[in-house]
Protein backbone atom coordinates (compact mmCIF):
# COMPACT_ATOMS: atom_id res chain seq x y z
CA GLY A 1 16.83 30.93 -9.26
CA GLY A 2 13.91 31.03 -11.24
CA GLN A 3 12.82 34.37 -13.93
CA VAL A 4 9.72 34.83 -14.49
CA GLY A 5 8.89 35.09 -18.13
CA SER A 6 6.46 35.92 -20.39
CA GLY A 7 2.75 34.57 -20.08
CA GLN A 8 3.27 33.93 -16.64
CA LYS A 9 5.70 31.17 -17.17
CA VAL A 10 8.57 30.20 -14.80
CA SER A 11 11.70 29.47 -15.97
CA LYS A 12 14.08 27.09 -13.34
CA GLY A 13 17.14 25.11 -13.43
CA LEU A 14 16.64 21.40 -14.01
CA GLY A 15 19.13 20.82 -10.83
CA GLY A 16 17.27 22.84 -8.72
CA SER A 17 14.12 21.11 -9.85
CA SER A 18 15.83 17.82 -8.53
CA SER A 19 16.67 19.22 -5.51
CA LEU A 20 12.98 20.34 -5.26
CA ALA A 21 11.42 17.35 -6.42
CA ILE A 22 13.86 15.06 -3.95
CA GLY A 23 14.78 16.36 -0.01
CA THR A 24 12.07 19.20 0.08
CA PRO A 25 11.44 19.75 2.70
CA GLU A 26 13.09 17.36 4.43
CA VAL A 27 15.67 14.26 3.25
CA GLY A 28 13.35 11.17 1.58
CA VAL A 29 10.54 13.60 0.96
CA CYS A 30 9.22 13.51 -2.53
CA ASN A 31 6.95 16.28 -4.31
CA PHE A 32 5.74 14.50 -7.03
CA ASN A 33 4.41 17.55 -8.53
CA ALA A 34 8.00 19.00 -8.94
CA LEU A 35 9.31 15.52 -9.94
CA HIS A 36 6.65 15.50 -12.71
CA ALA A 37 7.75 19.04 -13.87
CA LEU A 38 11.38 17.78 -13.78
CA LEU A 39 10.89 14.70 -15.87
CA HIS A 40 8.72 16.93 -18.20
CA GLY A 41 11.79 19.17 -18.74
CA ILE A 42 14.33 16.45 -19.04
CA LEU A 43 12.29 14.98 -21.55
CA GLU A 44 11.55 18.21 -23.57
CA GLN A 45 15.52 19.42 -23.49
CA LEU A 46 16.40 15.91 -24.65
CA HIS A 47 13.70 16.01 -27.40
CA ILE A 48 12.47 12.62 -26.54
CA GLY A 49 9.52 13.39 -25.40
CA GLU A 50 7.67 10.82 -28.46
CA ALA A 51 10.16 8.01 -27.32
CA GLN A 52 8.64 4.86 -26.61
CA LYS A 53 9.58 2.21 -24.46
CA THR A 54 8.96 -1.23 -23.91
CA VAL A 55 7.35 -2.59 -21.12
CA GLY A 56 7.93 -6.00 -19.23
CA GLU A 57 5.15 -7.90 -17.97
CA VAL A 58 6.23 -7.25 -14.19
CA GLU A 59 6.76 -3.79 -14.61
CA ASN A 60 3.51 -3.51 -16.52
CA GLU A 61 1.52 -4.93 -14.02
CA PHE A 62 2.89 -1.87 -10.92
CA ILE A 63 1.62 1.21 -13.83
CA LYS A 64 -2.00 -0.79 -14.60
CA PRO A 65 -5.07 1.23 -13.17
CA GLN A 66 -6.28 0.50 -9.75
CA THR A 67 -9.54 -1.83 -9.83
CA PRO A 68 -10.67 -2.70 -6.56
CA THR A 69 -11.71 -6.32 -6.16
CA SER A 70 -14.67 -7.75 -4.15
CA PRO A 71 -14.67 -8.99 -0.87
CA VAL A 72 -16.65 -11.90 -2.10
CA GLN A 73 -13.79 -12.46 -4.99
CA GLU A 74 -10.99 -12.67 -2.52
CA GLU A 75 -12.70 -15.21 -0.37
CA GLU A 76 -13.57 -17.52 -3.73
CA GLY A 77 -9.94 -17.96 -4.06
CA GLY A 78 -8.45 -14.22 -5.27
CA GLY A 79 -6.16 -14.58 -2.81
CA SER A 80 -2.80 -15.95 -2.09
CA THR A 81 -2.20 -19.27 -4.25
CA GLY A 82 1.38 -19.26 -4.08
CA ARG A 83 1.75 -18.15 -7.91
CA SER A 84 3.53 -15.17 -8.78
CA PRO A 85 1.00 -12.64 -9.34
CA SER A 86 2.71 -11.40 -12.70
CA ARG A 87 1.92 -14.74 -14.45
CA SER A 88 -1.27 -14.86 -12.85
CA PRO A 89 -3.13 -11.26 -12.30
CA ARG A 90 -5.99 -11.39 -10.28
CA THR A 91 -8.95 -9.25 -12.34
CA GLY A 92 -11.37 -6.64 -10.92
CA GLU A 93 -15.07 -6.65 -11.19
CA ASN A 94 -14.71 -4.95 -14.54
CA GLY A 95 -12.77 -7.77 -15.89
CA ARG A 96 -9.29 -5.63 -15.16
CA ALA A 97 -6.30 -6.86 -14.00
CA VAL A 98 -5.70 -5.60 -10.22
CA SER A 99 -2.16 -3.72 -9.62
CA LEU A 100 0.37 -5.30 -7.97
CA PHE A 101 0.48 -2.14 -5.55
CA HIS A 102 -3.74 -2.72 -4.93
CA GLN A 103 -3.15 -6.30 -4.10
CA LEU A 104 -0.37 -5.51 -1.79
CA GLU A 105 -2.71 -2.90 -0.25
CA GLU A 106 -5.86 -5.03 0.02
CA LYS A 107 -3.24 -7.56 2.39
CA VAL A 108 -2.00 -4.44 4.99
CA ALA A 109 -5.63 -3.52 4.94
CA ARG A 110 -6.83 -7.12 6.03
CA LEU A 111 -3.64 -7.56 8.08
CA GLN A 112 -5.00 -4.18 9.97
CA THR A 113 -8.66 -5.68 10.55
CA ALA A 114 -6.60 -8.84 11.72
CA MET A 115 -4.54 -6.80 14.06
CA GLU A 116 -7.24 -4.61 15.49
CA SER A 117 -9.51 -7.93 16.29
CA LEU A 118 -5.85 -9.27 18.00
CA SER A 119 -5.97 -6.43 19.89
CA GLN A 120 -9.06 -6.61 21.33
CA LEU A 121 -8.34 -10.19 23.43
CA PRO A 122 -7.40 -10.30 26.61
CA SER A 123 -3.53 -9.74 27.33
CA ALA A 124 -1.67 -12.70 29.21
CA PRO A 125 -1.71 -10.45 32.42
CA GLU A 126 -5.15 -10.24 31.67
CA LEU A 127 -6.13 -13.94 31.20
CA LEU A 128 -3.71 -14.61 34.65
CA ALA A 129 -4.74 -12.77 37.05
CA ARG A 130 -8.68 -14.10 35.68
CA SER A 131 -7.17 -17.15 36.14
CA GLN A 132 -5.90 -16.51 39.57
CA ALA A 133 -9.11 -14.81 40.64
CA ALA A 134 -10.65 -18.13 39.24
CA ASP A 135 -8.46 -20.44 41.57
CA GLN A 136 -9.63 -18.30 44.88
CA VAL A 137 -13.45 -18.84 44.15
CA PRO A 138 -14.17 -21.83 46.87
CA LEU A 139 -15.61 -24.99 45.09
CA ARG A 140 -18.56 -26.76 46.41
CA ARG A 141 -18.22 -29.92 47.17
CA PHE A 142 -20.83 -32.57 46.16
CA SER A 143 -21.60 -34.97 48.24
CA THR A 144 -22.94 -38.84 46.73
CA SER A 145 -24.42 -39.52 50.13
CA SER A 146 -28.48 -38.47 50.67
């Protein structure tokens, strides 16, 4: 449990904080505010808050700030070229690299737009009904004699 100390701070055990961060209010849910507080608590407890970490190229792509790209840039070859995004990161309008997460987000948005367009097309049963209705319309015969 937590105890109220001086200065309106609440003290919680790290174990309770971990339960609050992950799995509350239900299993599979992450409370990012509680997780943030938990991680800061661990860093303070271990006195490693100022420690440095070397970040690899792929990992760095995931933590870069998101910068949106323009649709024109996407059509001019910013799309999938078969190369790994970590070796050839796309850049946004301000020249900064777009994170892998943001690239995935853009692809999902394009797929959603495509799916919405496809869902407006007639279904197979509708096409079949239309073709059967067209077959029942009598055809006028044209004669070549006068």
